[in-house]
């Protein structure tokens, strides 16, 4: 599995577990705010979890407008 796909998979697994949403309901290109039924504060909570998991720091400006797992994975992957 390519590294970027592995990162995407890990993000989706973490989001699934964190928000107690079945993993099979999550797709890489869907709006995760809608799929997970979360607001911006919950998204920040998830982001903190992801930063700790991947040992990266993602500046807010890099995440503006990001609402799908694939783009989020790309931003995280660029910091690894």
PDB file of N, CA and C in Angstrom:
ATOM      1  N   UNK A   1       0.852  -1.178   0.000  1.00  0.00           N
ATOM      2  CA  UNK A   1       0.000   0.000   0.000  1.00  0.00           C
ATOM      3  C   UNK A   1       0.900   1.244   0.000  1.00  0.00           C
ATOM      4  N   UNK A   2       0.694   2.156  -0.952  1.00  0.00           N
ATOM      5  CA  UNK A   2       1.503   3.382  -0.975  1.00  0.00           C
ATOM      6  C   UNK A   2       1.336   4.168   0.330  1.00  0.00           C
ATOM      7  N   UNK A   3       2.351   4.907   0.686  1.00  0.00           N
ATOM      8  CA  UNK A   3       2.361   5.646   1.952  1.00  0.00           C
ATOM      9  C   UNK A   3       1.158   6.592   2.082  1.00  0.00           C
ATOM     10  N   UNK A   4       0.803   7.300   1.009  1.00  0.00           N
ATOM     11  CA  UNK A   4      -0.320   8.237   1.095  1.00  0.00           C
ATOM     12  C   UNK A   4      -1.642   7.503   1.331  1.00  0.00           C
ATOM     13  N   UNK A   5      -1.793   6.322   0.730  1.00  0.00           N
ATOM     14  CA  UNK A   5      -3.011   5.534   0.956  1.00  0.00           C
ATOM     15  C   UNK A   5      -3.046   5.002   2.382  1.00  0.00           C
ATOM     16  N   UNK A   6      -1.888   4.668   2.920  1.00  0.00           N
ATOM     17  CA  UNK A   6      -1.801   4.197   4.300  1.00  0.00           C
ATOM     18  C   UNK A   6      -2.184   5.333   5.255  1.00  0.00           C
ATOM     19  N   UNK A   7      -1.701   6.537   4.976  1.00  0.00           N
ATOM     20  CA  UNK A   7      -2.046   7.706   5.792  1.00  0.00           C
ATOM     21  C   UNK A   7      -3.547   7.948   5.743  1.00  0.00           C
ATOM     22  N   UNK A   8      -4.126   7.895   4.557  1.00  0.00           N
ATOM     23  CA  UNK A   8      -5.568   8.077   4.386  1.00  0.00           C
ATOM     24  C   UNK A   8      -6.339   7.041   5.190  1.00  0.00           C
ATOM     25  N   UNK A   9      -5.913   5.798   5.099  1.00  0.00           N
ATOM     26  CA  UNK A   9      -6.575   4.705   5.819  1.00  0.00           C
ATOM     27  C   UNK A   9      -6.504   4.921   7.332  1.00  0.00           C
ATOM     28  N   UNK A  10      -5.342   5.331   7.820  1.00  0.00           N
ATOM     29  CA  UNK A  10      -5.181   5.570   9.257  1.00  0.00           C
ATOM     30  C   UNK A  10      -6.088   6.711   9.720  1.00  0.00           C
ATOM     31  N   UNK A  11      -6.174   7.775   8.940  1.00  0.00           N
ATOM     32  CA  UNK A  11      -7.035   8.911   9.293  1.00  0.00           C
ATOM     33  C   UNK A  11      -8.489   8.471   9.382  1.00  0.00           C
ATOM     34  N   UNK A  12      -8.929   7.720   8.399  1.00  0.00           N
ATOM     35  CA  UNK A  12     -10.320   7.277   8.376  1.00  0.00           C
ATOM     36  C   UNK A  12     -10.612   6.314   9.525  1.00  0.00           C
ATOM     37  N   UNK A  13      -9.669   5.456   9.866  1.00  0.00           N
ATOM     38  CA  UNK A  13      -9.847   4.551  10.998  1.00  0.00           C
ATOM     39  C   UNK A  13      -9.926   5.328  12.314  1.00  0.00           C
ATOM     40  N   UNK A  14      -9.057   6.318  12.477  1.00  0.00           N
ATOM     41  CA  UNK A  14      -9.075   7.132  13.694  1.00  0.00           C
ATOM     42  C   UNK A  14     -10.379   7.920  13.815  1.00  0.00           C
ATOM     43  N   UNK A  15     -10.824   8.502  12.716  1.00  0.00           N
ATOM     44  CA  UNK A  15     -12.081   9.268  12.726  1.00  0.00           C
ATOM     45  C   UNK A  15     -13.256   8.357  13.051  1.00  0.00           C
ATOM     46  N   UNK A  16     -13.261   7.177  12.468  1.00  0.00           N
ATOM     47  CA  UNK A  16     -14.323   6.203  12.712  1.00  0.00           C
ATOM     48  C   UNK A  16     -14.391   5.847  14.189  1.00  0.00           C
ATOM     49  N   UNK A  17     -13.254   5.542  14.777  1.00  0.00           N
ATOM     50  CA  UNK A  17     -13.211   5.155  16.187  1.00  0.00           C
ATOM     51  C   UNK A  17     -13.562   6.333  17.096  1.00  0.00           C
ATOM     52  N   UNK A  18     -13.026   7.503  16.779  1.00  0.00           N
ATOM     53  CA  UNK A  18     -13.223   8.677  17.624  1.00  0.00           C
ATOM     54  C   UNK A  18     -14.692   9.110  17.685  1.00  0.00           C
ATOM     55  N   UNK A  19     -15.361   9.065  16.532  1.00  0.00           N
ATOM     56  CA  UNK A  19     -16.754   9.524  16.476  1.00  0.00           C
ATOM     57  C   UNK A  19     -17.765   8.381  16.446  1.00  0.00           C
ATOM     58  N   UNK A  20     -17.246   7.153  16.619  1.00  0.00           N
ATOM     59  CA  UNK A  20     -18.110   5.965  16.683  1.00  0.00           C
ATOM     60  C   UNK A  20     -19.033   5.859  15.465  1.00  0.00           C
ATOM     61  N   UNK A  21     -18.415   6.000  14.305  1.00  0.00           N
ATOM     62  CA  UNK A  21     -19.106   5.864  13.024  1.00  0.00           C
ATOM     63  C   UNK A  21     -18.512   4.643  12.336  1.00  0.00           C
ATOM     64  N   UNK A  22     -19.342   3.728  11.835  1.00  0.00           N
ATOM     65  CA  UNK A  22     -18.788   2.546  11.157  1.00  0.00           C
ATOM     66  C   UNK A  22     -17.822   2.943  10.031  1.00  0.00           C
ATOM     67  N   UNK A  23     -16.669   2.319  10.000  1.00  0.00           N
ATOM     68  CA  UNK A  23     -15.626   2.641   9.006  1.00  0.00           C
ATOM     69  C   UNK A  23     -16.145   2.542   7.585  1.00  0.00           C
ATOM     70  N   UNK A  24     -17.015   1.568   7.315  1.00  0.00           N
ATOM     71  CA  UNK A  24     -17.512   1.390   5.949  1.00  0.00           C
ATOM     72  C   UNK A  24     -18.415   2.538   5.490  1.00  0.00           C
ATOM     73  N   UNK A  25     -18.845   3.391   6.400  1.00  0.00           N
ATOM     74  CA  UNK A  25     -19.669   4.551   6.018  1.00  0.00           C
ATOM     75  C   UNK A  25     -18.819   5.734   5.574  1.00  0.00           C
ATOM     76  N   UNK A  26     -17.513   5.646   5.773  1.00  0.00           N
ATOM     77  CA  UNK A  26     -16.617   6.743   5.426  1.00  0.00           C
ATOM     78  C   UNK A  26     -15.969   6.506   4.068  1.00  0.00           C
ATOM     79  N   UNK A  27     -15.961   7.545   3.249  1.00  0.00           N
ATOM     80  CA  UNK A  27     -15.274   7.470   1.956  1.00  0.00           C
ATOM     81  C   UNK A  27     -14.284   8.621   1.858  1.00  0.00           C
ATOM     82  N   UNK A  28     -13.192   8.432   1.122  1.00  0.00           N
ATOM     83  CA  UNK A  28     -12.117   9.415   1.079  1.00  0.00           C
ATOM     84  C   UNK A  28     -12.517  10.809   0.598  1.00  0.00           C
ATOM     85  N   UNK A  29     -13.478  10.898  -0.316  1.00  0.00           N
ATOM     86  CA  UNK A  29     -13.761  12.182  -0.953  1.00  0.00           C
ATOM     87  C   UNK A  29     -15.032  12.868  -0.468  1.00  0.00           C
ATOM     88  N   UNK A  30     -15.725  12.259   0.480  1.00  0.00           N
ATOM     89  CA  UNK A  30     -16.930  12.891   1.016  1.00  0.00           C
ATOM     90  C   UNK A  30     -16.584  13.959   2.038  1.00  0.00           C
ATOM     91  N   UNK A  31     -17.499  14.878   2.224  1.00  0.00           N
ATOM     92  CA  UNK A  31     -17.351  15.923   3.235  1.00  0.00           C
ATOM     93  C   UNK A  31     -17.445  15.279   4.614  1.00  0.00           C
ATOM     94  N   UNK A  32     -16.343  15.276   5.358  1.00  0.00           N
ATOM     95  CA  UNK A  32     -16.373  14.576   6.647  1.00  0.00           C
ATOM     96  C   UNK A  32     -17.201  15.300   7.696  1.00  0.00           C
ATOM     97  N   UNK A  33     -17.443  16.594   7.527  1.00  0.00           N
ATOM     98  CA  UNK A  33     -18.331  17.288   8.461  1.00  0.00           C
ATOM     99  C   UNK A  33     -19.733  16.685   8.383  1.00  0.00           C
ATOM    100  N   UNK A  34     -20.177  16.429   7.157  1.00  0.00           N
ATOM    101  CA  UNK A  34     -21.518  15.850   6.964  1.00  0.00           C
ATOM    102  C   UNK A  34     -21.542  14.366   7.324  1.00  0.00           C
ATOM    103  N   UNK A  35     -20.556  13.625   6.866  1.00  0.00           N
ATOM    104  CA  UNK A  35     -20.519  12.184   7.100  1.00  0.00           C
ATOM    105  C   UNK A  35     -20.424  11.857   8.586  1.00  0.00           C
ATOM    106  N   UNK A  36     -19.571  12.588   9.296  1.00  0.00           N
ATOM    107  CA  UNK A  36     -19.377  12.330  10.720  1.00  0.00           C
ATOM    108  C   UNK A  36     -20.375  13.104  11.590  1.00  0.00           C
ATOM    109  N   UNK A  37     -21.080  14.043  10.951  1.00  0.00           N
ATOM    110  CA  UNK A  37     -22.039  14.914  11.665  1.00  0.00           C
ATOM    111  C   UNK A  37     -21.344  15.656  12.800  1.00  0.00           C
ATOM    112  N   UNK A  38     -20.266  16.359  12.405  1.00  0.00           N
ATOM    113  CA  UNK A  38     -19.478  17.096  13.393  1.00  0.00           C
ATOM    114  C   UNK A  38     -19.473  18.588  13.056  1.00  0.00           C
ATOM    115  N   UNK A  39     -19.145  19.382  14.073  1.00  0.00           N
ATOM    116  CA  UNK A  39     -18.988  20.817  13.867  1.00  0.00           C
ATOM    117  C   UNK A  39     -17.497  21.162  13.892  1.00  0.00           C
ATOM    118  N   UNK A  40     -17.183  22.435  13.781  1.00  0.00           N
ATOM    119  CA  UNK A  40     -15.776  22.828  13.693  1.00  0.00           C
ATOM    120  C   UNK A  40     -14.995  22.530  14.979  1.00  0.00           C
ATOM    121  N   UNK A  41     -15.639  22.616  16.131  1.00  0.00           N
ATOM    122  CA  UNK A  41     -14.939  22.274  17.377  1.00  0.00           C
ATOM    123  C   UNK A  41     -14.591  20.791  17.435  1.00  0.00           C
ATOM    124  N   UNK A  42     -15.507  19.953  16.994  1.00  0.00           N
ATOM    125  CA  UNK A  42     -15.235  18.517  16.958  1.00  0.00           C
ATOM    126  C   UNK A  42     -14.142  18.209  15.929  1.00  0.00           C
ATOM    127  N   UNK A  43     -14.132  18.961  14.834  1.00  0.00           N
ATOM    128  CA  UNK A  43     -13.087  18.777  13.824  1.00  0.00           C
ATOM    129  C   UNK A  43     -11.720  19.139  14.404  1.00  0.00           C
ATOM    130  N   UNK A  44     -11.660  20.193  15.219  1.00  0.00           N
ATOM    131  CA  UNK A  44     -10.400  20.558  15.872  1.00  0.00           C
ATOM    132  C   UNK A  44      -9.939  19.466  16.829  1.00  0.00           C
ATOM    133  N   UNK A  45     -10.880  18.858  17.521  1.00  0.00           N
ATOM    134  CA  UNK A  45     -10.566  17.745  18.415  1.00  0.00           C
ATOM    135  C   UNK A  45      -9.952  16.593  17.621  1.00  0.00           C
ATOM    136  N   UNK A  46     -10.555  16.275  16.479  1.00  0.00           N
ATOM    137  CA  UNK A  46     -10.022  15.229  15.606  1.00  0.00           C
ATOM    138  C   UNK A  46      -8.638  15.622  15.094  1.00  0.00           C
ATOM    139  N   UNK A  47      -8.480  16.860  14.707  1.00  0.00           N
ATOM    140  CA  UNK A  47      -7.197  17.330  14.198  1.00  0.00           C
ATOM    141  C   UNK A  47      -6.095  17.160  15.241  1.00  0.00           C
ATOM    142  N   UNK A  48      -6.397  17.496  16.492  1.00  0.00           N
ATOM    143  CA  UNK A  48      -5.422  17.317  17.570  1.00  0.00           C
ATOM    144  C   UNK A  48      -5.033  15.850  17.699  1.00  0.00           C
ATOM    145  N   UNK A  49      -6.016  14.988  17.619  1.00  0.00           N
ATOM    146  CA  UNK A  49      -5.762  13.542  17.693  1.00  0.00           C
ATOM    147  C   UNK A  49      -4.859  13.101  16.530  1.00  0.00           C
ATOM    148  N   UNK A  50      -5.133  13.613  15.336  1.00  0.00           N
ATOM    149  CA  UNK A  50      -4.333  13.258  14.166  1.00  0.00           C
ATOM    150  C   UNK A  50      -2.904  13.800  14.275  1.00  0.00           C
ATOM    151  N   UNK A  51      -2.766  15.030  14.755  1.00  0.00           N
ATOM    152  CA  UNK A  51      -1.426  15.599  14.925  1.00  0.00           C
ATOM    153  C   UNK A  51      -0.606  14.760  15.904  1.00  0.00           C
ATOM    154  N   UNK A  52      -1.228  14.329  16.985  1.00  0.00           N
ATOM    155  CA  UNK A  52      -0.529  13.490  17.960  1.00  0.00           C
ATOM    156  C   UNK A  52      -0.191  12.123  17.376  1.00  0.00           C
ATOM    157  N   UNK A  53      -1.113  11.552  16.630  1.00  0.00           N
ATOM    158  CA  UNK A  53      -0.899  10.225  16.039  1.00  0.00           C
ATOM    159  C   UNK A  53       0.262  10.247  15.035  1.00  0.00           C
ATOM    160  N   UNK A  54       0.285  11.268  14.179  1.00  0.00           N
ATOM    161  CA  UNK A  54       1.296  11.326  13.124  1.00  0.00           C
ATOM    162  C   UNK A  54       2.542  12.129  13.524  1.00  0.00           C
ATOM    163  N   UNK A  55       2.514  12.731  14.716  1.00  0.00           N
ATOM    164  CA  UNK A  55       3.631  13.544  15.200  1.00  0.00           C
ATOM    165  C   UNK A  55       3.964  14.677  14.235  1.00  0.00           C
ATOM    166  N   UNK A  56       2.907  15.407  13.836  1.00  0.00           N
ATOM    167  CA  UNK A  56       3.062  16.565  12.957  1.00  0.00           C
ATOM    168  C   UNK A  56       2.282  17.727  13.552  1.00  0.00           C
ATOM    169  N   UNK A  57       2.567  18.925  13.036  1.00  0.00           N
ATOM    170  CA  UNK A  57       1.792  20.091  13.408  1.00  0.00           C
ATOM    171  C   UNK A  57       1.252  20.698  12.125  1.00  0.00           C
ATOM    172  N   UNK A  58      -0.054  20.877  12.091  1.00  0.00           N
ATOM    173  CA  UNK A  58      -0.697  21.421  10.900  1.00  0.00           C
ATOM    174  C   UNK A  58      -1.200  22.836  11.200  1.00  0.00           C
ATOM    175  N   UNK A  59      -0.626  23.832  10.554  1.00  0.00           N
ATOM    176  CA  UNK A  59      -1.086  25.201  10.776  1.00  0.00           C
ATOM    177  C   UNK A  59      -2.522  25.388  10.267  1.00  0.00           C
ATOM    178  N   UNK A  60      -3.264  26.239  10.949  1.00  0.00           N
ATOM    179  CA  UNK A  60      -4.663  26.479  10.582  1.00  0.00           C
ATOM    180  C   UNK A  60      -4.828  26.871   9.117  1.00  0.00           C
ATOM    181  N   UNK A  61      -3.920  27.733   8.609  1.00  0.00           N
ATOM    182  CA  UNK A  61      -4.065  28.201   7.236  1.00  0.00           C
ATOM    183  C   UNK A  61      -4.002  27.056   6.216  1.00  0.00           C
ATOM    184  N   UNK A  62      -3.314  25.970   6.563  1.00  0.00           N
ATOM    185  CA  UNK A  62      -3.227  24.827   5.649  1.00  0.00           C
ATOM    186  C   UNK A  62      -4.513  24.019   5.611  1.00  0.00           C
ATOM    187  N   UNK A  63      -5.350  24.194   6.618  1.00  0.00           N
ATOM    188  CA  UNK A  63      -6.557  23.378   6.712  1.00  0.00           C
ATOM    189  C   UNK A  63      -7.824  24.127   6.336  1.00  0.00           C
ATOM    190  N   UNK A  64      -7.715  25.404   6.048  1.00  0.00           N
ATOM    191  CA  UNK A  64      -8.901  26.156   5.650  1.00  0.00           C
ATOM    192  C   UNK A  64      -9.469  25.575   4.368  1.00  0.00           C
ATOM    193  N   UNK A  65     -10.752  25.286   4.407  1.00  0.00           N
ATOM    194  CA  UNK A  65     -11.422  24.739   3.235  1.00  0.00           C
ATOM    195  C   UNK A  65     -11.274  23.235   3.062  1.00  0.00           C
ATOM    196  N   UNK A  66     -10.507  22.574   3.923  1.00  0.00           N
ATOM    197  CA  UNK A  66     -10.338  21.125   3.829  1.00  0.00           C
ATOM    198  C   UNK A  66     -11.530  20.455   4.505  1.00  0.00           C
ATOM    199  N   UNK A  67     -12.239  19.625   3.741  1.00  0.00           N
ATOM    200  CA  UNK A  67     -13.405  18.954   4.331  1.00  0.00           C
ATOM    201  C   UNK A  67     -13.528  17.505   3.883  1.00  0.00           C
ATOM    202  N   UNK A  68     -12.489  16.973   3.226  1.00  0.00           N
ATOM    203  CA  UNK A  68     -12.531  15.556   2.860  1.00  0.00           C
ATOM    204  C   UNK A  68     -11.254  14.871   3.328  1.00  0.00           C
ATOM    205  N   UNK A  69     -11.372  13.587   3.572  1.00  0.00           N
ATOM    206  CA  UNK A  69     -10.261  12.818   4.128  1.00  0.00           C
ATOM    207  C   UNK A  69      -9.045  12.777   3.206  1.00  0.00           C
ATOM    208  N   UNK A  70      -9.272  12.702   1.892  1.00  0.00           N
ATOM    209  CA  UNK A  70      -8.148  12.589   0.953  1.00  0.00           C
ATOM    210  C   UNK A  70      -7.267  13.845   1.000  1.00  0.00           C
ATOM    211  N   UNK A  71      -7.893  15.020   1.006  1.00  0.00           N
ATOM    212  CA  UNK A  71      -7.128  16.264   1.067  1.00  0.00           C
ATOM    213  C   UNK A  71      -6.410  16.379   2.402  1.00  0.00           C
ATOM    214  N   UNK A  72      -7.100  16.016   3.469  1.00  0.00           N
ATOM    215  CA  UNK A  72      -6.497  16.038   4.800  1.00  0.00           C
ATOM    216  C   UNK A  72      -5.274  15.110   4.848  1.00  0.00           C
ATOM    217  N   UNK A  73      -5.410  13.937   4.258  1.00  0.00           N
ATOM    218  CA  UNK A  73      -4.291  12.988   4.218  1.00  0.00           C
ATOM    219  C   UNK A  73      -3.112  13.579   3.443  1.00  0.00           C
ATOM    220  N   UNK A  74      -3.401  14.274   2.368  1.00  0.00           N
ATOM    221  CA  UNK A  74      -2.339  14.909   1.585  1.00  0.00           C
ATOM    222  C   UNK A  74      -1.590  15.952   2.381  1.00  0.00           C
ATOM    223  N   UNK A  75      -2.332  16.740   3.147  1.00  0.00           N
ATOM    224  CA  UNK A  75      -1.699  17.775   3.974  1.00  0.00           C
ATOM    225  C   UNK A  75      -0.840  17.141   5.063  1.00  0.00           C
ATOM    226  N   UNK A  76      -1.331  16.079   5.661  1.00  0.00           N
ATOM    227  CA  UNK A  76      -0.550  15.390   6.702  1.00  0.00           C
ATOM    228  C   UNK A  76       0.673  14.726   6.073  1.00  0.00           C
ATOM    229  N   UNK A  77       0.484  14.079   4.953  1.00  0.00           N
ATOM    230  CA  UNK A  77       1.578  13.377   4.277  1.00  0.00           C
ATOM    231  C   UNK A  77       2.701  14.344   3.913  1.00  0.00           C
ATOM    232  N   UNK A  78       2.355  15.574   3.532  1.00  0.00           N
ATOM    233  CA  UNK A  78       3.377  16.544   3.158  1.00  0.00           C
ATOM    234  C   UNK A  78       4.226  16.980   4.344  1.00  0.00           C
ATOM    235  N   UNK A  79       3.759  16.717   5.557  1.00  0.00           N
ATOM    236  CA  UNK A  79       4.492  17.084   6.769  1.00  0.00           C
ATOM    237  C   UNK A  79       5.306  15.928   7.338  1.00  0.00           C
ATOM    238  N   UNK A  80       5.100  14.734   6.818  1.00  0.00           N
ATOM    239  CA  UNK A  80       5.817  13.561   7.353  1.00  0.00           C
ATOM    240  C   UNK A  80       7.223  13.474   6.808  1.00  0.00           C
TER     241      UNK A  80
END
